[in-house]
Amino acid sequence: MIVTENPLRGAVAAKYGSCEAFSKALKWSGRKTRDIVTGRQTPNAKDITQMAHALDVWEDPAAFMAIFFAKTVHNVDI
């Protein structure tokens, strides 16, 4: 996985190379995909489910959390 400040962007780049290719895989508009990947739009549960399947992290809890809940995970006091 490509490491960036935005884990979702890194995962998309690693698997699809571009938001355009990712949006085609999801059958979403390019704008919706770019807005979610760049953090301008918050995805709903259905969006997250579709992206997790497309990124092959649906059955990998650690990768799923790292990509979709990175800020929450890193801000938790342990």
PDB file of N, CA and C in Angstrom:
ATOM      1  N   MET A   1       0.840  -1.176   0.000  1.00  0.00           N
ATOM      2  CA  MET A   1       0.000   0.000   0.000  1.00  0.00           C
ATOM      3  C   MET A   1       0.893   1.249   0.000  1.00  0.00           C
ATOM      4  N   ILE A   2       0.536   2.231  -0.793  1.00  0.00           N
ATOM      5  CA  ILE A   2       1.258   3.493  -0.831  1.00  0.00           C
ATOM      6  C   ILE A   2       0.891   4.292   0.410  1.00  0.00           C
ATOM      7  N   VAL A   3       1.894   4.799   1.130  1.00  0.00           N
ATOM      8  CA  VAL A   3       1.637   5.543   2.353  1.00  0.00           C
ATOM      9  C   VAL A   3       1.517   7.032   2.028  1.00  0.00           C
ATOM     10  N   THR A   4       0.416   7.625   2.434  1.00  0.00           N
ATOM     11  CA  THR A   4       0.196   9.059   2.284  1.00  0.00           C
ATOM     12  C   THR A   4      -0.474   9.546   3.547  1.00  0.00           C
ATOM     13  N   GLU A   5      -0.663  10.855   3.656  1.00  0.00           N
ATOM     14  CA  GLU A   5      -1.407  11.389   4.795  1.00  0.00           C
ATOM     15  C   GLU A   5      -2.858  10.962   4.728  1.00  0.00           C
ATOM     16  N   ASN A   6      -3.321  10.627   3.542  1.00  0.00           N
ATOM     17  CA  ASN A   6      -4.695  10.187   3.339  1.00  0.00           C
ATOM     18  C   ASN A   6      -4.645   8.702   2.959  1.00  0.00           C
ATOM     19  N   PRO A   7      -4.913   7.811   3.916  1.00  0.00           N
ATOM     20  CA  PRO A   7      -4.803   6.375   3.642  1.00  0.00           C
ATOM     21  C   PRO A   7      -5.730   5.890   2.526  1.00  0.00           C
ATOM     22  N   LEU A   8      -6.915   6.499   2.405  1.00  0.00           N
ATOM     23  CA  LEU A   8      -7.826   6.099   1.338  1.00  0.00           C
ATOM     24  C   LEU A   8      -7.215   6.434  -0.015  1.00  0.00           C
ATOM     25  N   ARG A   9      -6.665   7.616  -0.134  1.00  0.00           N
ATOM     26  CA  ARG A   9      -6.017   8.019  -1.389  1.00  0.00           C
ATOM     27  C   ARG A   9      -4.867   7.069  -1.729  1.00  0.00           C
ATOM     28  N   GLY A  10      -4.085   6.692  -0.727  1.00  0.00           N
ATOM     29  CA  GLY A  10      -2.984   5.761  -0.944  1.00  0.00           C
ATOM     30  C   GLY A  10      -3.454   4.396  -1.400  1.00  0.00           C
ATOM     31  N   ALA A  11      -4.531   3.898  -0.792  1.00  0.00           N
ATOM     32  CA  ALA A  11      -5.072   2.592  -1.167  1.00  0.00           C
ATOM     33  C   ALA A  11      -5.622   2.615  -2.592  1.00  0.00           C
ATOM     34  N   VAL A  12      -6.288   3.708  -2.942  1.00  0.00           N
ATOM     35  CA  VAL A  12      -6.824   3.850  -4.300  1.00  0.00           C
ATOM     36  C   VAL A  12      -5.681   3.893  -5.308  1.00  0.00           C
ATOM     37  N   ALA A  13      -4.651   4.667  -5.016  1.00  0.00           N
ATOM     38  CA  ALA A  13      -3.501   4.777  -5.926  1.00  0.00           C
ATOM     39  C   ALA A  13      -2.802   3.432  -6.088  1.00  0.00           C
ATOM     40  N   ALA A  14      -2.658   2.702  -4.999  1.00  0.00           N
ATOM     41  CA  ALA A  14      -1.972   1.414  -5.054  1.00  0.00           C
ATOM     42  C   ALA A  14      -2.731   0.394  -5.883  1.00  0.00           C
ATOM     43  N   LYS A  15      -4.040   0.347  -5.725  1.00  0.00           N
ATOM     44  CA  LYS A  15      -4.831  -0.682  -6.411  1.00  0.00           C
ATOM     45  C   LYS A  15      -5.288  -0.256  -7.805  1.00  0.00           C
ATOM     46  N   TYR A  16      -5.681   1.016  -7.961  1.00  0.00           N
ATOM     47  CA  TYR A  16      -6.283   1.453  -9.218  1.00  0.00           C
ATOM     48  C   TYR A  16      -5.447   2.449 -10.013  1.00  0.00           C
ATOM     49  N   GLY A  17      -4.498   3.087  -9.370  1.00  0.00           N
ATOM     50  CA  GLY A  17      -3.656   4.046 -10.077  1.00  0.00           C
ATOM     51  C   GLY A  17      -4.233   5.437 -10.174  1.00  0.00           C
ATOM     52  N   SER A  18      -5.551   5.551 -10.159  1.00  0.00           N
ATOM     53  CA  SER A  18      -6.194   6.867 -10.259  1.00  0.00           C
ATOM     54  C   SER A  18      -7.614   6.818  -9.715  1.00  0.00           C
ATOM     55  N   CYS A  19      -8.113   7.990  -9.368  1.00  0.00           N
ATOM     56  CA  CYS A  19      -9.514   8.091  -8.929  1.00  0.00           C
ATOM     57  C   CYS A  19     -10.454   7.743 -10.073  1.00  0.00           C
ATOM     58  N   GLU A  20     -10.047   8.071 -11.290  1.00  0.00           N
ATOM     59  CA  GLU A  20     -10.890   7.775 -12.450  1.00  0.00           C
ATOM     60  C   GLU A  20     -11.128   6.272 -12.589  1.00  0.00           C
ATOM     61  N   ALA A  21     -10.066   5.498 -12.479  1.00  0.00           N
ATOM     62  CA  ALA A  21     -10.203   4.045 -12.576  1.00  0.00           C
ATOM     63  C   ALA A  21     -11.027   3.497 -11.405  1.00  0.00           C
ATOM     64  N   PHE A  22     -10.819   4.059 -10.215  1.00  0.00           N
ATOM     65  CA  PHE A  22     -11.587   3.653  -9.034  1.00  0.00           C
ATOM     66  C   PHE A  22     -13.065   3.972  -9.222  1.00  0.00           C
ATOM     67  N   SER A  23     -13.373   5.159  -9.745  1.00  0.00           N
ATOM     68  CA  SER A  23     -14.774   5.538  -9.950  1.00  0.00           C
ATOM     69  C   SER A  23     -15.446   4.620 -10.965  1.00  0.00           C
ATOM     70  N   LYS A  24     -14.711   4.209 -11.998  1.00  0.00           N
ATOM     71  CA  LYS A  24     -15.275   3.274 -12.977  1.00  0.00           C
ATOM     72  C   LYS A  24     -15.555   1.920 -12.335  1.00  0.00           C
ATOM     73  N   ALA A  25     -14.651   1.468 -11.474  1.00  0.00           N
ATOM     74  CA  ALA A  25     -14.851   0.187 -10.788  1.00  0.00           C
ATOM     75  C   ALA A  25     -16.075   0.233  -9.878  1.00  0.00           C
ATOM     76  N   LEU A  26     -16.290   1.387  -9.245  1.00  0.00           N
ATOM     77  CA  LEU A  26     -17.432   1.548  -8.339  1.00  0.00           C
ATOM     78  C   LEU A  26     -18.716   1.912  -9.070  1.00  0.00           C
ATOM     79  N   LYS A  27     -18.589   2.330 -10.345  1.00  0.00           N
ATOM     80  CA  LYS A  27     -19.721   2.830 -11.129  1.00  0.00           C
ATOM     81  C   LYS A  27     -20.307   4.085 -10.486  1.00  0.00           C
ATOM     82  N   TRP A  28     -19.396   4.962  -9.996  1.00  0.00           N
ATOM     83  CA  TRP A  28     -19.762   6.251  -9.407  1.00  0.00           C
ATOM     84  C   TRP A  28     -19.320   7.348 -10.350  1.00  0.00           C
ATOM     85  N   SER A  29     -19.836   8.544 -10.115  1.00  0.00           N
ATOM     86  CA  SER A  29     -19.348   9.689 -10.882  1.00  0.00           C
ATOM     87  C   SER A  29     -17.927  10.009 -10.420  1.00  0.00           C
ATOM     88  N   GLY A  30     -17.170  10.585 -11.312  1.00  0.00           N
ATOM     89  CA  GLY A  30     -15.808  10.984 -10.967  1.00  0.00           C
ATOM     90  C   GLY A  30     -15.796  11.998  -9.846  1.00  0.00           C
ATOM     91  N   ARG A  31     -16.754  12.908  -9.868  1.00  0.00           N
ATOM     92  CA  ARG A  31     -16.809  13.955  -8.839  1.00  0.00           C
ATOM     93  C   ARG A  31     -17.054  13.360  -7.449  1.00  0.00           C
ATOM     94  N   LYS A  32     -18.025  12.455  -7.347  1.00  0.00           N
ATOM     95  CA  LYS A  32     -18.309  11.836  -6.045  1.00  0.00           C
ATOM     96  C   LYS A  32     -17.066  11.111  -5.536  1.00  0.00           C
ATOM     97  N   THR A  33     -16.430  10.352  -6.415  1.00  0.00           N
ATOM     98  CA  THR A  33     -15.243   9.589  -6.026  1.00  0.00           C
ATOM     99  C   THR A  33     -14.132  10.517  -5.565  1.00  0.00           C
ATOM    100  N   ARG A  34     -13.828  11.548  -6.352  1.00  0.00           N
ATOM    101  CA  ARG A  34     -12.770  12.501  -5.966  1.00  0.00           C
ATOM    102  C   ARG A  34     -13.099  13.188  -4.650  1.00  0.00           C
ATOM    103  N   ASP A  35     -14.354  13.590  -4.477  1.00  0.00           N
ATOM    104  CA  ASP A  35     -14.732  14.283  -3.239  1.00  0.00           C
ATOM    105  C   ASP A  35     -14.561  13.389  -2.019  1.00  0.00           C
ATOM    106  N   ILE A  36     -14.904  12.130  -2.139  1.00  0.00           N
ATOM    107  CA  ILE A  36     -14.738  11.203  -1.012  1.00  0.00           C
ATOM    108  C   ILE A  36     -13.264  10.899  -0.777  1.00  0.00           C
ATOM    109  N   VAL A  37     -12.531  10.596  -1.842  1.00  0.00           N
ATOM    110  CA  VAL A  37     -11.117  10.223  -1.698  1.00  0.00           C
ATOM    111  C   VAL A  37     -10.287  11.378  -1.146  1.00  0.00           C
ATOM    112  N   THR A  38     -10.621  12.608  -1.527  1.00  0.00           N
ATOM    113  CA  THR A  38      -9.857  13.758  -1.036  1.00  0.00           C
ATOM    114  C   THR A  38     -10.349  14.271   0.313  1.00  0.00           C
ATOM    115  N   GLY A  39     -11.444  13.736   0.815  1.00  0.00           N
ATOM    116  CA  GLY A  39     -11.946  14.139   2.118  1.00  0.00           C
ATOM    117  C   GLY A  39     -12.921  15.298   2.103  1.00  0.00           C
ATOM    118  N   ARG A  40     -13.316  15.755   0.936  1.00  0.00           N
ATOM    119  CA  ARG A  40     -14.304  16.840   0.852  1.00  0.00           C
ATOM    120  C   ARG A  40     -15.702  16.377   1.199  1.00  0.00           C
ATOM    121  N   GLN A  41     -15.964  15.097   0.975  1.00  0.00           N
ATOM    122  CA  GLN A  41     -17.281  14.522   1.260  1.00  0.00           C
ATOM    123  C   GLN A  41     -17.101  13.337   2.182  1.00  0.00           C
ATOM    124  N   THR A  42     -17.948  13.215   3.166  1.00  0.00           N
ATOM    125  CA  THR A  42     -17.908  12.083   4.082  1.00  0.00           C
ATOM    126  C   THR A  42     -18.735  10.946   3.490  1.00  0.00           C
ATOM    127  N   PRO A  43     -18.145   9.767   3.349  1.00  0.00           N
ATOM    128  CA  PRO A  43     -18.903   8.642   2.795  1.00  0.00           C
ATOM    129  C   PRO A  43     -19.904   8.101   3.810  1.00  0.00           C
ATOM    130  N   ASN A  44     -21.022   7.596   3.310  1.00  0.00           N
ATOM    131  CA  ASN A  44     -21.976   6.939   4.196  1.00  0.00           C
ATOM    132  C   ASN A  44     -21.601   5.457   4.300  1.00  0.00           C
ATOM    133  N   ALA A  45     -22.349   4.708   5.074  1.00  0.00           N
ATOM    134  CA  ALA A  45     -22.023   3.292   5.303  1.00  0.00           C
ATOM    135  C   ALA A  45     -22.029   2.490   4.008  1.00  0.00           C
ATOM    136  N   LYS A  46     -22.973   2.773   3.116  1.00  0.00           N
ATOM    137  CA  LYS A  46     -23.047   2.059   1.839  1.00  0.00           C
ATOM    138  C   LYS A  46     -21.809   2.362   0.984  1.00  0.00           C
ATOM    139  N   ASP A  47     -21.395   3.632   0.966  1.00  0.00           N
ATOM    140  CA  ASP A  47     -20.201   4.024   0.211  1.00  0.00           C
ATOM    141  C   ASP A  47     -18.966   3.292   0.741  1.00  0.00           C
ATOM    142  N   ILE A  48     -18.817   3.258   2.063  1.00  0.00           N
ATOM    143  CA  ILE A  48     -17.666   2.597   2.682  1.00  0.00           C
ATOM    144  C   ILE A  48     -17.665   1.110   2.347  1.00  0.00           C
ATOM    145  N   THR A  49     -18.832   0.490   2.398  1.00  0.00           N
ATOM    146  CA  THR A  49     -18.938  -0.926   2.065  1.00  0.00           C
ATOM    147  C   THR A  49     -18.489  -1.182   0.628  1.00  0.00           C
ATOM    148  N   GLN A  50     -18.974  -0.363  -0.308  1.00  0.00           N
ATOM    149  CA  GLN A  50     -18.597  -0.533  -1.713  1.00  0.00           C
ATOM    150  C   GLN A  50     -17.095  -0.323  -1.908  1.00  0.00           C
ATOM    151  N   MET A  51     -16.555   0.706  -1.290  1.00  0.00           N
ATOM    152  CA  MET A  51     -15.125   0.972  -1.435  1.00  0.00           C
ATOM    153  C   MET A  51     -14.295  -0.143  -0.812  1.00  0.00           C
ATOM    154  N   ALA A  52     -14.700  -0.639   0.348  1.00  0.00           N
ATOM    155  CA  ALA A  52     -13.950  -1.706   1.019  1.00  0.00           C
ATOM    156  C   ALA A  52     -13.905  -2.967   0.160  1.00  0.00           C
ATOM    157  N   HIS A  53     -15.018  -3.292  -0.479  1.00  0.00           N
ATOM    158  CA  HIS A  53     -15.026  -4.449  -1.383  1.00  0.00           C
ATOM    159  C   HIS A  53     -14.134  -4.198  -2.585  1.00  0.00           C
ATOM    160  N   ALA A  54     -14.216  -3.007  -3.173  1.00  0.00           N
ATOM    161  CA  ALA A  54     -13.414  -2.681  -4.352  1.00  0.00           C
ATOM    162  C   ALA A  54     -11.918  -2.673  -4.034  1.00  0.00           C
ATOM    163  N   LEU A  55     -11.572  -2.309  -2.810  1.00  0.00           N
ATOM    164  CA  LEU A  55     -10.164  -2.255  -2.395  1.00  0.00           C
ATOM    165  C   LEU A  55      -9.680  -3.576  -1.776  1.00  0.00           C
ATOM    166  N   ASP A  56     -10.566  -4.569  -1.720  1.00  0.00           N
ATOM    167  CA  ASP A  56     -10.248  -5.887  -1.157  1.00  0.00           C
ATOM    168  C   ASP A  56      -9.801  -5.818   0.304  1.00  0.00           C
ATOM    169  N   VAL A  57     -10.425  -4.949   1.082  1.00  0.00           N
ATOM    170  CA  VAL A  57     -10.105  -4.875   2.510  1.00  0.00           C
ATOM    171  C   VAL A  57     -11.318  -5.211   3.377  1.00  0.00           C
ATOM    172  N   TRP A  58     -12.386  -5.686   2.752  1.00  0.00           N
ATOM    173  CA  TRP A  58     -13.615  -5.964   3.480  1.00  0.00           C
ATOM    174  C   TRP A  58     -13.399  -7.005   4.575  1.00  0.00           C
ATOM    175  N   GLU A  59     -12.561  -7.986   4.327  1.00  0.00           N
ATOM    176  CA  GLU A  59     -12.341  -9.054   5.300  1.00  0.00           C
ATOM    177  C   GLU A  59     -11.015  -8.912   6.037  1.00  0.00           C
ATOM    178  N   ASP A  60     -10.434  -7.722   6.006  1.00  0.00           N
ATOM    179  CA  ASP A  60      -9.166  -7.449   6.689  1.00  0.00           C
ATOM    180  C   ASP A  60      -9.392  -6.284   7.656  1.00  0.00           C
ATOM    181  N   PRO A  61      -9.782  -6.590   8.900  1.00  0.00           N
ATOM    182  CA  PRO A  61     -10.140  -5.523   9.838  1.00  0.00           C
ATOM    183  C   PRO A  61      -9.044  -4.471  10.038  1.00  0.00           C
ATOM    184  N   ALA A  62      -7.799  -4.870  10.100  1.00  0.00           N
ATOM    185  CA  ALA A  62      -6.710  -3.908  10.324  1.00  0.00           C
ATOM    186  C   ALA A  62      -6.592  -2.944   9.147  1.00  0.00           C
ATOM    187  N   ALA A  63      -6.610  -3.470   7.929  1.00  0.00           N
ATOM    188  CA  ALA A  63      -6.524  -2.614   6.743  1.00  0.00           C
ATOM    189  C   ALA A  63      -7.760  -1.738   6.627  1.00  0.00           C
ATOM    190  N   PHE A  64      -8.933  -2.314   6.893  1.00  0.00           N
ATOM    191  CA  PHE A  64     -10.190  -1.555   6.834  1.00  0.00           C
ATOM    192  C   PHE A  64     -10.141  -0.359   7.780  1.00  0.00           C
ATOM    193  N   MET A  65      -9.743  -0.600   9.011  1.00  0.00           N
ATOM    194  CA  MET A  65      -9.675   0.481  10.003  1.00  0.00           C
ATOM    195  C   MET A  65      -8.615   1.515   9.625  1.00  0.00           C
ATOM    196  N   ALA A  66      -7.487   1.052   9.140  1.00  0.00           N
ATOM    197  CA  ALA A  66      -6.407   1.971   8.761  1.00  0.00           C
ATOM    198  C   ALA A  66      -6.825   2.884   7.620  1.00  0.00           C
ATOM    199  N   ILE A  67      -7.615   2.374   6.695  1.00  0.00           N
ATOM    200  CA  ILE A  67      -8.040   3.171   5.536  1.00  0.00           C
ATOM    201  C   ILE A  67      -9.225   4.066   5.869  1.00  0.00           C
ATOM    202  N   PHE A  68     -10.248   3.531   6.490  1.00  0.00           N
ATOM    203  CA  PHE A  68     -11.498   4.277   6.655  1.00  0.00           C
ATOM    204  C   PHE A  68     -11.659   4.991   7.990  1.00  0.00           C
ATOM    205  N   PHE A  69     -10.864   4.624   8.976  1.00  0.00           N
ATOM    206  CA  PHE A  69     -11.000   5.250  10.289  1.00  0.00           C
ATOM    207  C   PHE A  69      -9.651   5.650  10.873  1.00  0.00           C
ATOM    208  N   ALA A  70      -8.736   6.025  10.017  1.00  0.00           N
ATOM    209  CA  ALA A  70      -7.373   6.358  10.448  1.00  0.00           C
ATOM    210  C   ALA A  70      -7.344   7.459  11.494  1.00  0.00           C
ATOM    211  N   LYS A  71      -8.072   8.541  11.287  1.00  0.00           N
ATOM    212  CA  LYS A  71      -8.057   9.651  12.242  1.00  0.00           C
ATOM    213  C   LYS A  71      -8.630   9.214  13.585  1.00  0.00           C
ATOM    214  N   THR A  72      -9.685   8.440  13.546  1.00  0.00           N
ATOM    215  CA  THR A  72     -10.292   7.952  14.783  1.00  0.00           C
ATOM    216  C   THR A  72      -9.341   7.021  15.518  1.00  0.00           C
ATOM    217  N   VAL A  73      -8.735   6.099  14.792  1.00  0.00           N
ATOM    218  CA  VAL A  73      -7.826   5.141  15.405  1.00  0.00           C
ATOM    219  C   VAL A  73      -6.627   5.850  16.027  1.00  0.00           C
ATOM    220  N   HIS A  74      -6.048   6.802  15.327  1.00  0.00           N
ATOM    221  CA  HIS A  74      -4.838   7.459  15.812  1.00  0.00           C
ATOM    222  C   HIS A  74      -5.110   8.468  16.908  1.00  0.00           C
ATOM    223  N   ASN A  75      -6.333   8.893  17.087  1.00  0.00           N
ATOM    224  CA  ASN A  75      -6.641   9.865  18.112  1.00  0.00           C
ATOM    225  C   ASN A  75      -7.167   9.229  19.402  1.00  0.00           C
ATOM    226  N   VAL A  76      -7.204   7.913  19.438  1.00  0.00           N
ATOM    227  CA  VAL A  76      -7.693   7.216  20.626  1.00  0.00           C
ATOM    228  C   VAL A  76      -6.560   7.095  21.642  1.00  0.00           C
ATOM    229  N   ASP A  77      -6.841   7.482  22.873  1.00  0.00           N
ATOM    230  CA  ASP A  77      -5.874   7.298  23.937  1.00  0.00           C
ATOM    231  C   ASP A  77      -5.940   5.867  24.435  1.00  0.00           C
ATOM    232  N   ILE A  78      -4.794   5.243  24.496  1.00  0.00           N
ATOM    233  CA  ILE A  78      -4.766   3.844  24.958  1.00  0.00           C
ATOM    234  C   ILE A  78      -4.080   3.803  26.305  1.00  0.00           C
TER     235      ILE A  78
END
